Amino acid sequence: MRFAALSALAALGLLQSTPALAGSATAGSIMSKQAAIAIATSSMPPGNSVSRVQCTSMVRALSARYRCTVWWCPATGVGNG
């Protein structure tokens, strides 16, 4: 019991010291890949740029569905000079 409590505290400490990396978003659409990309990109913070896009097409119940993940990176040189 004591070991489990110490392990939980150690894990909590590691999670708190790890910085959050929110550089991607995933979205789905039944219309098109472009719609899924647009929805995912809408979560991107202003001033960032898309660095990678990966899409998956699926067919379910005789209808196509698209799921796309968009990765972004911060804009460089914004506000310098």
N, C-alpha and C. Protein backbone atom coordinates (compact mmCIF):
# COMPACT_ATOMS: atom_id res chain seq x y z
N MET A 1 0.83 -1.19 0.00
CA MET A 1 0.00 0.00 0.00
C MET A 1 0.87 1.26 0.00
N ARG A 2 1.89 1.23 0.84
CA ARG A 2 2.77 2.39 0.95
C ARG A 2 3.55 2.59 -0.35
N PHE A 3 3.99 1.49 -0.97
CA PHE A 3 4.72 1.56 -2.23
C PHE A 3 3.84 2.16 -3.33
N ALA A 4 2.59 1.76 -3.37
CA ALA A 4 1.66 2.28 -4.38
C ALA A 4 1.46 3.78 -4.22
N ALA A 5 1.36 4.24 -2.98
CA ALA A 5 1.18 5.67 -2.73
C ALA A 5 2.42 6.44 -3.16
N LEU A 6 3.61 5.92 -2.85
CA LEU A 6 4.84 6.59 -3.25
C LEU A 6 4.98 6.60 -4.77
N SER A 7 4.61 5.52 -5.42
CA SER A 7 4.67 5.46 -6.88
C SER A 7 3.73 6.48 -7.51
N ALA A 8 2.55 6.61 -6.95
CA ALA A 8 1.58 7.58 -7.47
C ALA A 8 2.10 9.00 -7.31
N LEU A 9 2.70 9.30 -6.18
CA LEU A 9 3.26 10.64 -5.96
C LEU A 9 4.41 10.92 -6.92
N ALA A 10 5.26 9.92 -7.15
CA ALA A 10 6.37 10.09 -8.08
C ALA A 10 5.86 10.33 -9.50
N ALA A 11 4.85 9.59 -9.91
CA ALA A 11 4.28 9.77 -11.24
C ALA A 11 3.65 11.14 -11.38
N LEU A 12 2.98 11.59 -10.35
CA LEU A 12 2.37 12.92 -10.37
C LEU A 12 3.44 13.99 -10.51
N GLY A 13 4.54 13.83 -9.81
CA GLY A 13 5.64 14.78 -9.91
C GLY A 13 6.23 14.83 -11.31
N LEU A 14 6.36 13.68 -11.95
CA LEU A 14 6.87 13.64 -13.31
C LEU A 14 5.93 14.31 -14.29
N LEU A 15 4.64 14.09 -14.11
CA LEU A 15 3.66 14.70 -15.00
C LEU A 15 3.65 16.22 -14.86
N GLN A 16 3.81 16.70 -13.65
CA GLN A 16 3.78 18.14 -13.44
C GLN A 16 5.01 18.83 -14.00
N SER A 17 6.15 18.15 -14.04
CA SER A 17 7.36 18.78 -14.52
C SER A 17 7.51 18.66 -16.03
N THR A 18 6.68 17.87 -16.69
CA THR A 18 6.75 17.70 -18.12
C THR A 18 5.94 18.81 -18.80
N PRO A 19 6.57 19.57 -19.71
CA PRO A 19 5.82 20.64 -20.37
C PRO A 19 4.78 20.06 -21.33
N ALA A 20 3.67 20.75 -21.45
CA ALA A 20 2.62 20.32 -22.36
C ALA A 20 2.98 20.75 -23.77
N LEU A 21 2.87 19.85 -24.72
CA LEU A 21 3.14 20.14 -26.11
C LEU A 21 1.84 20.03 -26.89
N ALA A 22 1.24 21.16 -27.17
CA ALA A 22 -0.04 21.15 -27.87
C ALA A 22 0.18 21.63 -29.29
N GLY A 23 0.85 20.81 -30.10
CA GLY A 23 1.16 21.21 -31.46
C GLY A 23 0.41 20.41 -32.50
N SER A 24 -0.75 19.86 -32.16
CA SER A 24 -1.51 19.11 -33.15
C SER A 24 -2.98 19.08 -32.79
N ALA A 25 -3.78 18.79 -33.79
CA ALA A 25 -5.22 18.61 -33.58
C ALA A 25 -5.72 17.60 -34.59
N THR A 26 -6.71 16.83 -34.20
CA THR A 26 -7.32 15.83 -35.08
C THR A 26 -8.80 16.14 -35.22
N ALA A 27 -9.30 16.01 -36.43
CA ALA A 27 -10.72 16.26 -36.68
C ALA A 27 -11.23 15.28 -37.74
N GLY A 28 -12.52 15.07 -37.73
CA GLY A 28 -13.14 14.19 -38.70
C GLY A 28 -14.21 14.90 -39.49
N SER A 29 -14.49 14.37 -40.67
CA SER A 29 -15.53 14.94 -41.51
C SER A 29 -16.14 13.84 -42.37
N ILE A 30 -17.40 13.99 -42.71
CA ILE A 30 -18.04 13.07 -43.65
C ILE A 30 -18.10 13.70 -45.04
N MET A 31 -17.65 14.96 -45.17
CA MET A 31 -17.73 15.65 -46.45
C MET A 31 -16.49 15.42 -47.31
N SER A 32 -15.29 15.77 -46.76
CA SER A 32 -14.07 15.66 -47.55
C SER A 32 -12.85 15.76 -46.64
N LYS A 33 -11.69 15.40 -47.22
CA LYS A 33 -10.44 15.56 -46.49
C LYS A 33 -10.20 17.04 -46.21
N GLN A 34 -10.47 17.89 -47.18
CA GLN A 34 -10.25 19.32 -47.01
C GLN A 34 -11.07 19.87 -45.84
N ALA A 35 -12.29 19.38 -45.67
CA ALA A 35 -13.12 19.83 -44.54
C ALA A 35 -12.52 19.38 -43.22
N ALA A 36 -12.02 18.14 -43.15
CA ALA A 36 -11.40 17.64 -41.92
C ALA A 36 -10.15 18.44 -41.60
N ILE A 37 -9.35 18.78 -42.62
CA ILE A 37 -8.14 19.58 -42.41
C ILE A 37 -8.52 20.98 -41.92
N ALA A 38 -9.54 21.57 -42.51
CA ALA A 38 -9.97 22.91 -42.11
C ALA A 38 -10.45 22.93 -40.67
N ILE A 39 -11.18 21.90 -40.27
CA ILE A 39 -11.67 21.83 -38.89
C ILE A 39 -10.51 21.69 -37.91
N ALA A 40 -9.55 20.82 -38.24
CA ALA A 40 -8.38 20.62 -37.37
C ALA A 40 -7.53 21.89 -37.31
N THR A 41 -7.37 22.56 -38.44
CA THR A 41 -6.56 23.77 -38.50
C THR A 41 -7.19 24.91 -37.69
N SER A 42 -8.50 24.88 -37.54
CA SER A 42 -9.16 25.95 -36.78
C SER A 42 -8.76 25.94 -35.30
N SER A 43 -8.18 24.82 -34.84
CA SER A 43 -7.70 24.75 -33.45
C SER A 43 -6.29 25.30 -33.29
N MET A 44 -5.64 25.62 -34.40
CA MET A 44 -4.25 26.08 -34.38
C MET A 44 -4.18 27.52 -33.85
N PRO A 45 -3.26 27.80 -32.94
CA PRO A 45 -3.13 29.16 -32.43
C PRO A 45 -2.74 30.14 -33.54
N PRO A 46 -3.18 31.38 -33.44
CA PRO A 46 -2.85 32.37 -34.47
C PRO A 46 -1.34 32.56 -34.58
N GLY A 47 -0.86 32.76 -35.80
CA GLY A 47 0.55 33.01 -36.04
C GLY A 47 1.38 31.76 -36.26
N ASN A 48 0.81 30.59 -36.03
CA ASN A 48 1.55 29.35 -36.26
C ASN A 48 1.36 28.90 -37.69
N SER A 49 2.19 27.96 -38.12
CA SER A 49 2.06 27.45 -39.49
C SER A 49 2.00 25.93 -39.47
N VAL A 50 1.28 25.37 -40.42
CA VAL A 50 1.11 23.92 -40.52
C VAL A 50 2.44 23.31 -40.96
N SER A 51 2.89 22.30 -40.23
CA SER A 51 4.14 21.63 -40.59
C SER A 51 3.91 20.24 -41.17
N ARG A 52 2.76 19.64 -40.90
CA ARG A 52 2.49 18.28 -41.39
C ARG A 52 1.00 18.01 -41.32
N VAL A 53 0.51 17.22 -42.28
CA VAL A 53 -0.89 16.79 -42.30
C VAL A 53 -0.91 15.31 -42.63
N GLN A 54 -1.72 14.56 -41.90
CA GLN A 54 -1.90 13.13 -42.19
C GLN A 54 -3.39 12.82 -42.14
N CYS A 55 -3.89 12.23 -43.21
CA CYS A 55 -5.32 11.91 -43.30
C CYS A 55 -5.53 10.42 -43.51
N THR A 56 -6.64 9.95 -42.98
CA THR A 56 -7.06 8.56 -43.15
C THR A 56 -8.48 8.57 -43.68
N SER A 57 -8.72 7.78 -44.70
CA SER A 57 -10.08 7.62 -45.24
C SER A 57 -10.64 6.30 -44.76
N MET A 58 -11.90 6.31 -44.36
CA MET A 58 -12.57 5.09 -43.90
C MET A 58 -13.92 4.99 -44.60
N VAL A 59 -14.37 3.77 -44.78
CA VAL A 59 -15.72 3.56 -45.30
C VAL A 59 -16.50 2.80 -44.24
N ARG A 60 -17.58 3.42 -43.80
CA ARG A 60 -18.45 2.80 -42.80
C ARG A 60 -19.89 2.98 -43.25
N ALA A 61 -20.61 1.90 -43.21
CA ALA A 61 -22.02 1.92 -43.60
C ALA A 61 -22.19 2.54 -45.00
N LEU A 62 -21.29 2.13 -45.92
CA LEU A 62 -21.31 2.58 -47.31
C LEU A 62 -21.13 4.09 -47.46
N SER A 63 -20.50 4.74 -46.49
CA SER A 63 -20.25 6.16 -46.59
C SER A 63 -18.81 6.45 -46.18
N ALA A 64 -18.17 7.34 -46.92
CA ALA A 64 -16.78 7.68 -46.64
C ALA A 64 -16.69 8.65 -45.47
N ARG A 65 -15.67 8.46 -44.66
CA ARG A 65 -15.39 9.36 -43.55
C ARG A 65 -13.90 9.66 -43.58
N TYR A 66 -13.55 10.86 -43.17
CA TYR A 66 -12.16 11.29 -43.21
C TYR A 66 -11.73 11.76 -41.83
N ARG A 67 -10.55 11.35 -41.43
CA ARG A 67 -9.97 11.80 -40.16
C ARG A 67 -8.58 12.33 -40.47
N CYS A 68 -8.33 13.59 -40.12
CA CYS A 68 -7.05 14.22 -40.41
C CYS A 68 -6.45 14.80 -39.14
N THR A 69 -5.14 14.64 -39.05
CA THR A 69 -4.37 15.25 -37.97
C THR A 69 -3.47 16.31 -38.59
N VAL A 70 -3.47 17.49 -37.99
CA VAL A 70 -2.65 18.60 -38.44
C VAL A 70 -1.66 18.93 -37.33
N TRP A 71 -0.38 18.99 -37.68
CA TRP A 71 0.66 19.42 -36.74
C TRP A 71 1.09 20.81 -37.14
N TRP A 72 1.41 21.64 -36.14
CA TRP A 72 1.87 22.99 -36.43
C TRP A 72 3.08 23.33 -35.61
N CYS A 73 3.76 24.39 -36.05
CA CYS A 73 4.92 24.89 -35.31
C CYS A 73 4.75 26.40 -35.16
N PRO A 74 5.35 26.96 -34.11
CA PRO A 74 5.23 28.39 -33.89
C PRO A 74 5.91 29.19 -35.02
N ALA A 75 5.36 30.32 -35.32
CA ALA A 75 5.97 31.19 -36.32
C ALA A 75 7.29 31.71 -35.79
N THR A 76 8.29 31.75 -36.65
CA THR A 76 9.60 32.25 -36.23
C THR A 76 9.76 33.69 -36.67
N GLY A 77 10.41 34.46 -35.84
CA GLY A 77 10.72 35.84 -36.18
C GLY A 77 9.57 36.81 -36.07
N VAL A 78 8.46 36.41 -35.45
CA VAL A 78 7.32 37.31 -35.31
C VAL A 78 7.65 38.35 -34.24
N GLY A 79 7.51 39.62 -34.58
CA GLY A 79 7.72 40.69 -33.61
C GLY A 79 9.18 41.09 -33.43
N ASN A 80 10.08 40.58 -34.25
CA ASN A 80 11.49 40.97 -34.14
C ASN A 80 11.77 42.13 -35.08
N GLY A 81 11.73 43.32 -34.56
CA GLY A 81 12.15 44.49 -35.32
C GLY A 81 11.06 45.11 -36.04
